[in-house]
Amino acid sequence: MKIWENRTGLKSEKSFQSYLFTIAFNAIKKQFNKKMKAEQYRYDIFESLAGDVPSLESRLDFEKLLEKLDRLIDELPERRKKIFLMRKKEGKSVNNIANELGVSPKTVENQITEAMHALKKAFSSDDLSSLLFYILFVS
């Protein structure tokens, strides 16, 4: 598009390849800078949340959220809970879990998805800090 838009200003004595390279280079640089700004925003949020030393109140809030997570996992149906813990806590692959339990990999994926939906729903119904906890530590 850049070439077409600037076709009247192109000089035939200049290298077309060089012109094309410059356009591509500038487009990539522009996209890279845009992406870096978006990523920097995320890093700034994480830095502000982490801080140097968490206050006693924020540690207690974090511990409450961990307790809530444990309680919600315990409330999952037994099979879903087992599959979820095997995947998230033990780090087993979907195929390993399927083989070990004698079910299809699709069943394992469905159970994990359902568990994640239940946890997300429970955390998002409370408040913003719970939802943030879910996003950062559970999903």
Protein backbone atom coordinates (compact mmCIF):
# COMPACT_ATOMS: atom_id res chain seq x y z
CA MET A 1 0.00 0.00 0.00
CA LYS A 2 2.83 2.39 0.82
CA ILE A 3 4.36 1.89 -2.59
CA TRP A 4 1.05 2.48 -4.34
CA GLU A 5 0.25 5.53 -2.23
CA ASN A 6 3.68 7.05 -2.93
CA ARG A 7 3.97 5.94 -6.57
CA THR A 8 4.05 9.49 -7.90
CA GLY A 9 7.04 10.37 -5.71
CA LEU A 10 9.12 7.30 -6.60
CA LYS A 11 12.38 8.03 -8.37
CA SER A 12 13.24 5.53 -11.05
CA GLU A 13 17.00 6.01 -10.57
CA LYS A 14 16.78 4.78 -6.93
CA SER A 15 16.86 1.10 -6.08
CA PHE A 16 13.34 -0.30 -5.74
CA GLN A 17 14.66 -3.07 -3.46
CA SER A 18 16.19 -0.50 -1.15
CA TYR A 19 12.92 1.45 -1.06
CA LEU A 20 10.96 -1.73 -0.31
CA PHE A 21 13.41 -2.69 2.45
CA THR A 22 13.09 0.76 4.07
CA ILE A 23 9.29 0.55 4.04
CA ALA A 24 9.34 -2.93 5.58
CA PHE A 25 11.96 -1.94 8.17
CA ASN A 26 9.99 1.13 9.27
CA ALA A 27 6.72 -0.83 9.46
CA ILE A 28 8.35 -3.53 11.61
CA LYS A 29 10.00 -0.91 13.84
CA LYS A 30 6.68 0.87 14.30
CA GLN A 31 4.90 -2.37 15.26
CA PHE A 32 7.74 -3.35 17.60
CA ASN A 33 7.61 0.03 19.39
CA LYS A 34 3.83 -0.23 19.69
CA LYS A 35 4.10 -3.73 21.17
CA MET A 36 6.82 -2.66 23.61
CA LYS A 37 4.63 0.18 24.89
CA ALA A 38 1.76 -2.23 25.45
CA GLU A 39 4.04 -4.70 27.23
CA GLN A 40 5.58 -1.95 29.36
CA TYR A 41 2.11 -1.12 30.62
CA ARG A 42 1.72 -4.70 31.84
CA TYR A 43 5.15 -4.69 33.52
CA ASP A 44 4.36 -1.42 35.27
CA ILE A 45 1.16 -2.92 36.70
CA PHE A 46 2.99 -5.99 37.98
CA GLU A 47 5.71 -3.84 39.56
CA SER A 48 3.17 -1.64 41.30
CA LEU A 49 1.29 -4.68 42.59
CA ALA A 50 4.39 -6.46 43.78
CA GLY A 51 6.07 -3.56 45.57
CA ASP A 52 9.17 -4.07 47.68
CA VAL A 53 7.69 -5.43 50.88
CA PRO A 54 4.07 -6.49 51.01
CA SER A 55 2.13 -5.07 53.89
CA LEU A 56 0.67 -7.37 56.53
CA GLU A 57 -2.80 -6.61 55.21
CA SER A 58 -1.91 -7.57 51.63
CA ARG A 59 -0.25 -10.79 52.84
CA LEU A 60 -3.36 -11.65 54.80
CA ASP A 61 -5.51 -10.91 51.75
CA PHE A 62 -3.29 -13.11 49.64
CA GLU A 63 -3.50 -15.93 52.20
CA LYS A 64 -7.30 -15.58 52.24
CA LEU A 65 -7.36 -15.87 48.47
CA LEU A 66 -5.16 -18.98 48.63
CA GLU A 67 -7.50 -20.49 51.23
CA LYS A 68 -10.47 -19.66 49.02
CA LEU A 69 -8.77 -21.32 46.06
CA ASP A 70 -8.12 -24.47 48.10
CA ARG A 71 -11.72 -24.51 49.31
CA LEU A 72 -13.10 -24.06 45.79
CA ILE A 73 -10.89 -26.84 44.45
CA ASP A 74 -12.09 -29.11 47.26
CA GLU A 75 -15.69 -28.35 46.27
CA LEU A 76 -15.16 -29.53 42.68
CA PRO A 77 -16.67 -32.91 41.76
CA GLU A 78 -14.20 -35.65 42.73
CA ARG A 79 -13.14 -36.65 39.20
CA ARG A 80 -12.79 -33.04 38.03
CA LYS A 81 -10.79 -32.18 41.15
CA LYS A 82 -8.43 -35.13 40.60
CA ILE A 83 -7.86 -34.26 36.94
CA PHE A 84 -7.41 -30.55 37.73
CA LEU A 85 -4.83 -31.24 40.46
CA MET A 86 -2.96 -33.74 38.30
CA ARG A 87 -2.64 -31.12 35.58
CA LYS A 88 -2.09 -27.94 37.59
CA LYS A 89 -0.36 -29.16 40.74
CA GLU A 90 1.55 -32.19 39.46
CA GLY A 91 2.15 -30.74 35.99
CA LYS A 92 1.18 -33.91 34.15
CA SER A 93 0.32 -33.72 30.47
CA VAL A 94 -3.23 -34.23 29.23
CA ASN A 95 -2.21 -37.48 27.53
CA ASN A 96 -0.52 -38.83 30.68
CA ILE A 97 -3.62 -38.07 32.75
CA ALA A 98 -5.86 -39.68 30.13
CA ASN A 99 -3.73 -42.84 30.06
CA GLU A 100 -3.49 -43.02 33.83
CA LEU A 101 -7.24 -42.63 34.35
CA GLY A 102 -8.32 -44.61 31.29
CA VAL A 103 -10.26 -41.75 29.68
CA SER A 104 -9.86 -39.83 26.44
CA PRO A 105 -7.65 -36.74 26.28
CA LYS A 106 -10.74 -34.75 25.25
CA THR A 107 -12.43 -35.77 28.52
CA VAL A 108 -9.39 -34.53 30.45
CA GLU A 109 -9.42 -31.23 28.56
CA ASN A 110 -13.14 -30.80 29.19
CA GLN A 111 -12.76 -31.44 32.92
CA ILE A 112 -9.91 -28.93 33.20
CA THR A 113 -11.90 -26.35 31.25
CA GLU A 114 -14.95 -26.85 33.47
CA ALA A 115 -12.81 -26.52 36.60
CA MET A 116 -11.25 -23.31 35.31
CA HIS A 117 -14.69 -21.90 34.45
CA ALA A 118 -15.98 -22.69 37.93
CA LEU A 119 -12.96 -21.06 39.59
CA LYS A 120 -13.12 -18.00 37.36
CA LYS A 121 -16.82 -17.60 38.08
CA ALA A 122 -16.27 -17.88 41.82
CA PHE A 123 -13.41 -15.39 41.82
CA SER A 124 -15.02 -12.87 39.49
CA SER A 125 -18.19 -12.78 41.55
CA ASP A 126 -16.37 -11.41 44.61
CA ASP A 127 -14.24 -8.41 43.77
CA LEU A 128 -11.44 -7.08 41.61
CA SER A 129 -8.62 -8.41 43.80
CA SER A 130 -10.05 -11.91 43.60
CA LEU A 131 -10.32 -11.69 39.84
CA LEU A 132 -6.76 -10.38 39.61
CA PHE A 133 -5.57 -13.26 41.79
CA TYR A 134 -7.33 -15.70 39.48
CA ILE A 135 -5.75 -14.18 36.38
CA LEU A 136 -2.24 -14.06 37.82
CA PHE A 137 -2.04 -17.32 39.74
CA VAL A 138 -4.72 -19.73 38.56
CA SER A 139 -5.25 -19.33 34.82
